[in-house]
Protein backbone atom coordinates (compact mmCIF):
# COMPACT_ATOMS: atom_id res chain seq x y z
CA MET A 1 -76.06 52.00 -107.35
CA LYS A 2 -76.44 48.74 -109.34
CA GLU A 3 -75.64 49.01 -113.06
CA PHE A 4 -77.23 46.90 -115.84
CA LYS A 5 -77.22 46.71 -119.61
CA VAL A 6 -81.02 46.76 -119.58
CA ALA A 7 -83.77 47.26 -117.04
CA ILE A 8 -87.21 45.91 -117.94
CA ILE A 9 -90.17 47.44 -116.15
CA GLY A 10 -93.13 45.10 -115.88
CA GLY A 11 -93.18 41.37 -115.18
CA GLY A 12 -95.94 40.30 -117.49
CA PRO A 13 -95.58 38.19 -120.68
CA ALA A 14 -93.95 41.03 -122.65
CA GLY A 15 -91.49 41.87 -119.86
CA MET A 16 -90.54 38.23 -119.13
CA ILE A 17 -89.95 37.28 -122.77
CA ALA A 18 -88.00 40.55 -123.26
CA ALA A 19 -85.71 39.71 -120.34
CA ILE A 20 -85.19 36.20 -121.72
CA ALA A 21 -84.31 37.50 -125.20
CA ALA A 22 -82.01 40.23 -123.83
CA SER A 23 -80.12 37.70 -121.66
CA LYS A 24 -78.89 35.34 -124.37
CA ASN A 25 -75.50 37.09 -124.57
CA SER A 26 -75.58 39.01 -121.30
CA ASP A 27 -76.06 38.49 -117.58
CA SER A 28 -76.63 42.20 -117.02
CA VAL A 29 -80.44 42.20 -117.17
CA ILE A 30 -82.86 43.18 -114.41
CA LEU A 31 -86.64 42.72 -114.41
CA LEU A 32 -88.69 45.00 -112.17
CA GLU A 33 -92.20 44.06 -111.10
CA LYS A 34 -94.31 46.18 -108.74
CA THR A 35 -96.47 43.31 -107.40
CA ASP A 36 -95.25 40.38 -105.32
CA SER A 37 -95.10 37.92 -108.25
CA LEU A 38 -94.56 37.68 -112.00
CA GLY A 39 -97.25 37.00 -114.59
CA LYS A 40 -100.40 37.65 -112.57
CA LYS A 41 -102.47 38.60 -115.62
CA LEU A 42 -101.03 35.67 -117.61
CA LEU A 43 -102.55 33.31 -115.02
CA LEU A 44 -106.03 34.73 -115.76
CA THR A 45 -105.96 34.27 -119.51
CA GLY A 46 -108.31 31.75 -121.03
CA GLY A 47 -110.06 31.27 -117.73
CA GLY A 48 -106.80 30.12 -116.13
CA ARG A 49 -106.06 27.77 -119.02
CA CYS A 50 -103.84 30.29 -120.85
CA ASN A 51 -104.99 31.01 -124.40
CA ILE A 52 -101.34 31.63 -125.29
CA THR A 53 -101.75 32.48 -128.98
CA ASN A 54 -103.88 31.91 -132.04
CA GLY A 55 -103.05 29.46 -134.80
CA SER A 56 -104.15 31.79 -137.58
CA SER A 57 -101.64 33.01 -140.15
CA ILE A 58 -99.50 36.08 -139.45
CA LYS A 59 -101.46 37.87 -142.15
CA GLU A 60 -104.62 37.26 -140.14
CA HIS A 61 -102.94 38.50 -136.97
CA LEU A 62 -101.94 41.67 -138.77
CA LYS A 63 -105.36 42.14 -140.31
CA LEU A 64 -106.93 42.06 -136.85
CA SER A 65 -104.43 44.39 -135.21
CA ASN A 66 -102.03 46.82 -136.92
CA ASN A 67 -99.45 46.58 -139.68
CA PHE A 68 -97.01 48.25 -137.31
CA LEU A 69 -96.58 44.81 -135.75
CA LYS A 70 -95.44 43.11 -139.00
CA HIS A 71 -91.75 42.95 -138.16
CA SER A 72 -92.28 41.82 -134.56
CA PHE A 73 -94.78 39.08 -135.67
CA TYR A 74 -92.42 37.74 -138.32
CA SER A 75 -89.38 38.01 -136.00
CA PHE A 76 -91.11 35.95 -133.31
CA SER A 77 -94.22 34.29 -134.74
CA ASN A 78 -96.90 32.21 -133.12
CA ASP A 79 -95.01 29.12 -134.29
CA ASP A 80 -91.80 30.45 -132.78
CA LEU A 81 -93.61 31.08 -129.49
CA LEU A 82 -95.03 27.55 -129.38
CA ASP A 83 -91.63 26.06 -130.32
CA PHE A 84 -90.03 27.89 -127.41
CA PHE A 85 -92.44 26.31 -124.93
CA LYS A 86 -92.39 22.91 -126.64
CA SER A 87 -88.61 22.86 -126.18
CA LYS A 88 -89.32 23.18 -122.45
CA GLY A 89 -91.77 20.27 -122.41
CA ILE A 90 -95.12 21.95 -122.94
CA ASP A 91 -97.54 20.46 -125.47
CA PHE A 92 -100.41 22.42 -127.04
CA GLN A 93 -103.83 21.90 -128.62
CA GLU A 94 -105.79 24.07 -130.98
CA GLU A 95 -109.47 24.60 -130.13
CA SER A 96 -112.40 26.59 -131.55
CA TYR A 97 -111.48 29.68 -133.57
CA LYS A 98 -107.85 28.41 -133.67
CA ASN A 99 -107.34 29.35 -130.03
CA VAL A 100 -104.22 27.61 -128.70
CA PHE A 101 -103.99 26.28 -125.17
CA PRO A 102 -101.51 24.06 -123.31
CA LYS A 103 -102.77 20.47 -123.35
CA ASN A 104 -102.75 20.32 -119.55
CA LYS A 105 -104.96 23.41 -119.48
CA ASN A 106 -102.90 25.10 -116.82
CA ALA A 107 -101.54 28.66 -117.17
CA GLN A 108 -99.23 28.07 -114.18
CA ASP A 109 -97.12 25.72 -116.29
CA ILE A 110 -96.55 28.47 -118.86
CA LEU A 111 -95.49 30.85 -116.11
CA ASN A 112 -93.20 28.21 -114.55
CA VAL A 113 -91.37 27.83 -117.87
CA LEU A 114 -90.84 31.58 -118.12
CA GLU A 115 -89.69 31.91 -114.50
CA ASN A 116 -87.33 28.93 -114.74
CA THR A 117 -85.79 30.29 -117.94
CA LEU A 118 -85.28 33.68 -116.35
CA ASN A 119 -83.52 32.02 -113.37
CA ASN A 120 -81.38 29.86 -115.62
CA LEU A 121 -80.26 32.93 -117.54
CA ASN A 122 -79.36 34.73 -114.24
CA VAL A 123 -81.80 37.57 -114.77
CA ASP A 124 -82.03 39.73 -111.70
CA ILE A 125 -85.68 39.94 -110.57
CA GLU A 126 -86.92 42.58 -108.20
CA LEU A 127 -90.47 42.03 -106.95
CA SER A 128 -92.59 44.61 -105.11
CA PHE A 129 -90.51 47.24 -106.85
CA LYS A 130 -92.60 50.31 -107.72
CA VAL A 131 -90.87 52.65 -110.14
CA GLY A 132 -91.24 56.15 -108.76
CA LYS A 133 -89.09 58.10 -111.19
CA ILE A 134 -86.77 57.59 -114.12
CA ILE A 135 -84.34 60.19 -115.37
CA LYS A 136 -81.86 59.98 -118.22
CA LYS A 137 -78.39 61.20 -117.37
CA ASN A 138 -75.80 61.13 -120.12
CA ASP A 139 -76.03 57.57 -121.55
CA TYR A 140 -77.82 56.01 -118.59
CA PHE A 141 -81.33 55.77 -117.20
CA ILE A 142 -81.52 56.18 -113.40
CA ILE A 143 -84.43 54.39 -111.75
CA ASN A 144 -85.50 55.40 -108.22
CA ASP A 145 -81.90 56.59 -107.63
CA THR A 146 -80.92 52.92 -107.05
CA ILE A 147 -80.63 51.30 -110.49
CA LYS A 148 -78.60 52.44 -113.47
CA ALA A 149 -79.27 51.00 -116.97
CA ARG A 150 -78.03 51.74 -120.44
CA ASN A 151 -81.34 50.60 -121.96
CA ILE A 152 -84.88 50.42 -120.65
CA ILE A 153 -87.88 48.41 -121.87
CA ILE A 154 -91.28 49.67 -120.65
CA ALA A 155 -93.60 46.67 -120.49
CA THR A 156 -96.00 47.85 -117.77
CA GLY A 157 -99.21 46.81 -119.53
CA GLY A 158 -102.36 48.87 -119.81
CA ILE A 159 -104.91 49.95 -117.24
CA THR A 160 -107.33 47.03 -117.08
CA TYR A 161 -107.21 44.39 -114.34
CA PRO A 162 -105.47 46.77 -111.89
CA SER A 163 -105.26 43.96 -109.29
CA THR A 164 -102.66 42.28 -111.51
CA GLY A 165 -100.46 45.39 -111.53
CA SER A 166 -101.82 46.97 -114.72
CA SER A 167 -102.88 50.29 -113.28
CA GLY A 168 -101.56 52.73 -115.88
CA ASP A 169 -98.25 53.51 -114.21
CA GLY A 170 -96.44 53.16 -117.53
CA TYR A 171 -98.33 56.12 -118.99
CA LYS A 172 -96.88 58.43 -116.37
CA ILE A 173 -93.37 57.22 -117.14
CA VAL A 174 -93.91 57.62 -120.87
CA LYS A 175 -95.09 61.21 -120.51
CA THR A 176 -91.87 62.19 -118.69
CA PHE A 177 -90.04 61.28 -121.90
CA ASN A 178 -92.33 63.48 -124.05
CA HIS A 179 -94.26 60.63 -125.61
CA ASP A 180 -97.92 61.04 -126.37
CA ILE A 181 -100.68 58.68 -125.21
CA SER A 182 -103.63 58.07 -127.48
CA GLU A 183 -107.12 57.83 -125.98
CA ILE A 184 -107.24 54.98 -123.49
CA LYS A 185 -110.36 52.87 -123.55
CA TYR A 186 -111.71 49.53 -122.34
CA GLY A 187 -111.32 46.62 -124.70
CA LEU A 188 -112.70 43.09 -124.76
CA VAL A 189 -115.24 44.19 -122.17
CA PRO A 190 -118.58 42.55 -121.30
CA LEU A 191 -121.72 44.57 -122.00
CA VAL A 192 -124.26 45.62 -119.39
CA SER A 193 -127.98 45.29 -119.97
CA LYS A 194 -130.66 46.37 -117.53
CA ASN A 195 -133.22 44.12 -119.17
CA LEU A 196 -134.17 41.84 -116.26
CA TYR A 197 -135.92 39.40 -118.59
CA LEU A 198 -132.59 38.93 -120.41
CA THR A 199 -130.43 38.65 -117.33
CA ALA A 200 -132.85 36.10 -115.87
CA LEU A 201 -131.49 33.79 -118.58
CA SER A 202 -127.96 33.98 -117.11
CA GLY A 203 -125.80 31.08 -118.19
CA THR A 204 -127.58 30.61 -121.53
CA PRO A 205 -125.17 30.37 -124.50
CA LEU A 206 -126.11 31.60 -127.97
CA ASP A 207 -124.33 29.57 -130.64
CA ASN A 208 -124.40 29.63 -134.43
CA ILE A 209 -125.46 33.26 -134.53
CA LEU A 210 -124.07 36.51 -135.88
CA VAL A 211 -123.91 39.41 -133.42
CA LYS A 212 -123.61 42.87 -134.98
CA TYR A 213 -122.84 46.47 -134.14
CA LYS A 214 -122.85 48.92 -137.05
CA LYS A 215 -120.43 47.43 -139.62
CA SER A 216 -118.75 45.07 -137.15
CA SER A 217 -119.87 41.52 -136.51
CA SER A 218 -118.79 38.28 -134.86
CA SER A 219 -119.95 34.69 -135.29
CA LYS A 220 -118.43 33.55 -132.01
CA THR A 221 -120.48 32.35 -129.04
CA VAL A 222 -122.41 34.85 -126.92
CA LEU A 223 -123.20 34.13 -123.30
CA ILE A 224 -126.03 35.73 -121.36
CA SER A 225 -124.87 36.64 -117.82
CA HIS A 226 -126.34 38.10 -114.64
CA PHE A 227 -125.25 41.59 -115.74
CA GLY A 228 -125.88 41.39 -119.48
CA LEU A 229 -123.83 39.81 -122.25
CA THR A 230 -120.37 38.31 -122.46
CA GLY A 231 -118.59 35.52 -124.33
CA PRO A 232 -116.05 35.84 -127.20
CA GLY A 233 -118.63 37.21 -129.67
CA ILE A 234 -119.53 40.06 -127.34
CA LEU A 235 -115.93 40.76 -126.25
CA ASP A 236 -114.79 41.14 -129.83
CA LEU A 237 -117.70 43.43 -130.68
CA SER A 238 -117.27 45.42 -127.50
CA SER A 239 -113.94 46.84 -128.54
CA GLU A 240 -115.57 48.42 -131.57
CA ILE A 241 -118.35 49.79 -129.37
CA SER A 242 -115.78 51.20 -126.93
CA LYS A 243 -113.77 52.85 -129.72
CA ASN A 244 -116.94 54.61 -130.93
CA LEU A 245 -117.71 56.08 -127.50
CA THR A 246 -116.40 59.50 -126.55
CA TYR A 247 -114.25 58.99 -123.47
CA ASP A 248 -110.68 58.56 -122.27
CA ILE A 249 -110.03 56.59 -119.07
CA LEU A 250 -107.06 58.78 -118.18
CA ASN A 251 -108.78 62.11 -118.71
CA TYR A 252 -112.56 62.11 -118.88
CA GLU A 253 -115.75 60.00 -118.85
CA THR A 254 -119.04 60.80 -120.50
CA LYS A 255 -122.56 59.48 -120.02
CA PHE A 256 -123.21 56.20 -121.82
CA PRO A 257 -125.54 56.79 -124.79
CA ASP A 258 -129.23 55.99 -124.28
CA ASN A 259 -129.81 54.47 -127.69
CA LEU A 260 -127.00 52.01 -128.17
CA ASN A 261 -128.12 48.63 -129.51
CA ILE A 262 -126.53 45.47 -130.82
CA SER A 263 -128.43 43.04 -133.00
CA ILE A 264 -128.38 39.25 -133.21
CA ASP A 265 -129.00 37.28 -136.39
CA PHE A 266 -130.22 33.88 -135.19
CA GLN A 267 -130.19 32.47 -138.74
CA PRO A 268 -127.01 33.79 -140.34
CA LYS A 269 -126.75 31.01 -142.95
CA ILE A 270 -129.87 32.17 -144.84
CA ASN A 271 -131.06 35.62 -145.89
CA ARG A 272 -134.35 37.22 -145.00
CA ASP A 273 -136.16 36.18 -148.20
CA GLU A 274 -135.05 32.57 -147.81
CA LEU A 275 -136.24 32.55 -144.19
CA ASN A 276 -139.55 34.09 -145.24
CA ASN A 277 -140.12 31.46 -147.92
CA LYS A 278 -139.20 28.68 -145.51
CA ILE A 279 -141.66 29.80 -142.90
CA ILE A 280 -144.43 30.41 -145.47
CA ASN A 281 -143.96 26.86 -146.78
CA GLU A 282 -143.92 25.35 -143.29
CA ILE A 283 -147.03 27.10 -141.90
CA PRO A 284 -149.56 24.94 -143.79
CA LEU A 285 -147.74 21.81 -142.73
CA ASN A 286 -147.71 22.79 -139.06
CA GLY A 287 -150.99 24.65 -138.69
CA LYS A 288 -151.88 23.20 -135.27
CA THR A 289 -148.41 23.83 -133.81
CA LYS A 290 -148.12 26.67 -131.33
CA ILE A 291 -145.78 29.48 -132.38
CA LYS A 292 -143.58 28.94 -129.31
CA ASN A 293 -143.15 25.29 -130.17
CA TYR A 294 -142.46 25.98 -133.83
CA LEU A 295 -139.66 28.41 -132.87
CA LYS A 296 -137.67 25.52 -131.37
CA THR A 297 -136.46 25.07 -134.93
CA TYR A 298 -134.72 28.44 -134.76
CA LEU A 299 -134.06 29.23 -131.07
CA SER A 300 -132.96 27.43 -127.95
CA ASN A 301 -135.83 26.50 -125.62
CA LYS A 302 -134.71 28.92 -122.92
CA LEU A 303 -134.73 31.84 -125.28
CA ILE A 304 -138.17 31.44 -126.88
CA ASP A 305 -140.38 33.04 -124.24
CA PHE A 306 -138.01 35.97 -123.90
CA PHE A 307 -137.88 36.43 -127.67
CA LEU A 308 -141.67 36.41 -128.07
CA ASN A 309 -142.20 38.71 -125.07
CA GLU A 310 -139.74 41.26 -126.46
CA ILE A 311 -141.40 41.38 -129.91
CA ASN A 312 -144.90 41.21 -128.40
CA VAL A 313 -146.10 38.06 -130.11
CA ASN A 314 -148.39 35.54 -128.35
CA GLY A 315 -146.60 32.23 -128.47
CA ASP A 316 -149.73 30.23 -127.61
CA ASN A 317 -151.32 31.10 -130.92
CA THR A 318 -151.06 28.39 -133.54
CA LEU A 319 -149.39 28.84 -136.89
CA SER A 320 -152.73 28.56 -138.64
CA ASN A 321 -153.86 31.67 -136.77
CA ILE A 322 -150.65 33.70 -137.10
CA SER A 323 -151.20 37.18 -138.54
CA LYS A 324 -149.06 38.56 -141.33
CA LYS A 325 -147.86 41.24 -138.90
CA ASP A 326 -146.67 38.64 -136.32
CA LYS A 327 -145.10 36.49 -138.99
CA ASN A 328 -143.10 39.46 -140.25
CA LYS A 329 -142.13 40.42 -136.71
CA ILE A 330 -140.75 36.91 -136.14
CA ILE A 331 -138.82 36.93 -139.43
CA GLU A 332 -137.42 40.42 -138.87
CA ASN A 333 -136.26 39.60 -135.38
CA LEU A 334 -134.82 36.20 -136.21
CA LYS A 335 -132.61 38.09 -138.64
CA GLY A 336 -132.00 41.15 -136.46
CA PHE A 337 -133.03 40.99 -132.84
CA ASN A 338 -132.05 44.22 -131.05
CA ILE A 339 -130.74 44.31 -127.50
CA LYS A 340 -130.29 47.64 -125.77
CA ILE A 341 -126.90 48.07 -124.13
CA ASP A 342 -126.70 50.18 -120.97
CA GLY A 343 -122.97 50.25 -120.32
CA LEU A 344 -119.60 48.50 -120.24
CA TYR A 345 -118.69 46.13 -117.41
CA LYS A 346 -115.37 47.93 -116.89
CA ASP A 347 -114.04 45.75 -114.10
CA LEU A 348 -113.92 42.75 -116.45
CA SER A 349 -112.21 44.51 -119.37
CA LYS A 350 -109.48 42.20 -120.60
CA VAL A 351 -107.29 44.58 -122.62
CA THR A 352 -106.62 48.26 -122.95
CA ILE A 353 -107.31 50.03 -126.25
CA GLY A 354 -104.86 52.84 -127.01
CA GLY A 355 -101.40 53.66 -125.73
CA ILE A 356 -98.17 54.97 -127.17
CA PRO A 357 -98.85 55.97 -130.82
CA THR A 358 -97.13 53.72 -133.33
CA ASN A 359 -95.66 56.67 -135.21
CA GLU A 360 -93.47 57.37 -132.17
CA ILE A 361 -91.83 53.89 -132.15
CA ASN A 362 -89.52 52.18 -134.59
CA PRO A 363 -91.47 49.02 -135.65
CA LYS A 364 -88.26 47.14 -136.47
CA THR A 365 -86.78 47.58 -132.98
CA MET A 366 -89.55 48.80 -130.61
CA GLU A 367 -87.24 51.69 -129.78
CA SER A 368 -88.57 55.13 -129.11
CA LYS A 369 -88.06 57.65 -131.93
CA ILE A 370 -87.87 60.35 -129.29
CA VAL A 371 -85.48 58.96 -126.65
CA LYS A 372 -82.51 56.77 -127.60
CA ASN A 373 -82.26 53.38 -125.88
CA LEU A 374 -85.85 53.56 -124.58
CA TYR A 375 -88.02 50.62 -125.77
CA PHE A 376 -91.62 49.53 -125.39
CA ALA A 377 -93.44 46.21 -125.49
CA GLY A 378 -96.85 44.73 -124.86
CA GLU A 379 -100.13 46.33 -123.95
CA ILE A 380 -98.67 49.79 -123.38
CA LEU A 381 -98.47 50.03 -127.16
CA GLU A 382 -101.41 51.39 -129.13
CA PRO A 383 -102.37 48.27 -131.12
CA ALA A 384 -104.84 45.73 -129.69
CA SER A 385 -106.69 42.80 -131.19
CA ILE A 386 -109.70 40.53 -130.71
CA SER A 387 -110.08 37.70 -128.19
CA GLY A 388 -108.51 34.31 -128.85
CA GLY A 389 -104.82 34.61 -127.99
CA TYR A 390 -104.08 37.50 -130.39
CA ASN A 391 -103.20 39.99 -127.66
CA LEU A 392 -100.84 37.66 -125.86
CA GLN A 393 -99.05 37.15 -129.18
CA ILE A 394 -98.60 40.92 -129.46
CA ALA A 395 -97.07 40.93 -126.00
CA PHE A 396 -94.69 38.05 -126.70
CA SER A 397 -93.69 39.26 -130.19
CA THR A 398 -92.99 42.88 -129.27
CA GLY A 399 -91.23 41.90 -126.02
CA HIS A 400 -89.02 39.39 -127.79
CA LEU A 401 -88.15 41.91 -130.50
CA ALA A 402 -87.15 44.63 -128.01
CA GLY A 403 -85.09 42.16 -125.96
CA SER A 404 -83.39 40.68 -129.00
CA VAL A 405 -82.39 44.09 -130.34
CA ILE A 406 -80.77 45.01 -127.04
CA ASN A 407 -79.14 41.57 -126.83
CA GLU A 408 -77.29 42.30 -130.08
CA LYS A 409 -75.92 45.57 -128.74
CA ASN A 410 -72.37 45.74 -127.38
């Protein structure tokens, strides 16, 4: 039986950076990955370009996730993460919403740096290694009766993108050590709409809008797709929708509600009264203009016919003949256009909401409060954030913290 100081289960970003941090003063580290390669999900981030982190302040990262992560974020910040890769020859650029990508726009280069560093530090890597059972005997964890480790880091990810290895295996391991699992839900997930008039506009982006659900909103881009709605604005909002639904992926599903709507404000920079006054003042100046042509001021060309059809207004009428009822309909819907949502596109969910409750983990070490020398990192933890590199930062920060704490141990 091989013996190690630490065994890390899961070869994603959290697991790889944990192995690197744990190996600085030790060559007794093993990384176990159940698929045939490391970092499969990492290669998918940012459409293959790797949205590695977000350039926002740590306070903003915390505001959008959970204060439990404060120590891990400050111990290994977004700047620290970028400095690590810059020292290996990778340059970065900041794009919309402070999303950070490598300049060469290739996630494979990020993975190459991680793999090369692991090899240079002599980390043992076992691929196609499925953890069947772990038992704790005296001061050691025994994995599959073949590996013995004084410490373990569980970095198995969540349950989304199962093809990348994230199939919920970690939850089974966690339960054997008497940890709870909060409700597991789909996060950053596209929304399904059965409105064929909407989906016929597949590929149409909606920019400079505000998309809303209850008290949550996003000003990021929305993209109409063949199944409904996606894009960063929808993905961010979808996590709030998912949290409000009554279901748990691990235990039970319920029927999607029949009356769930999101709304789009096409003119977020002005309020309803200002929009009303603007249109009232412009009607006399554009009396011969057809309504559908006038709306080009407020909507993209592709969207106008759909918009008018949905609110039942004849776009061929001229402004001089517009009724007060139709004018009010246009104003109301420019400020709050409702779209019925018929489901979540589960197969494209990017993160898992829920996991090991934060009150069961020491935030300064990532060590279990229940089992000594058992650590956690990455998406298996309860906190999750919005799109834009925030969730990868959680993975890297928590993984680095867990690995660093073990590295300092005798």
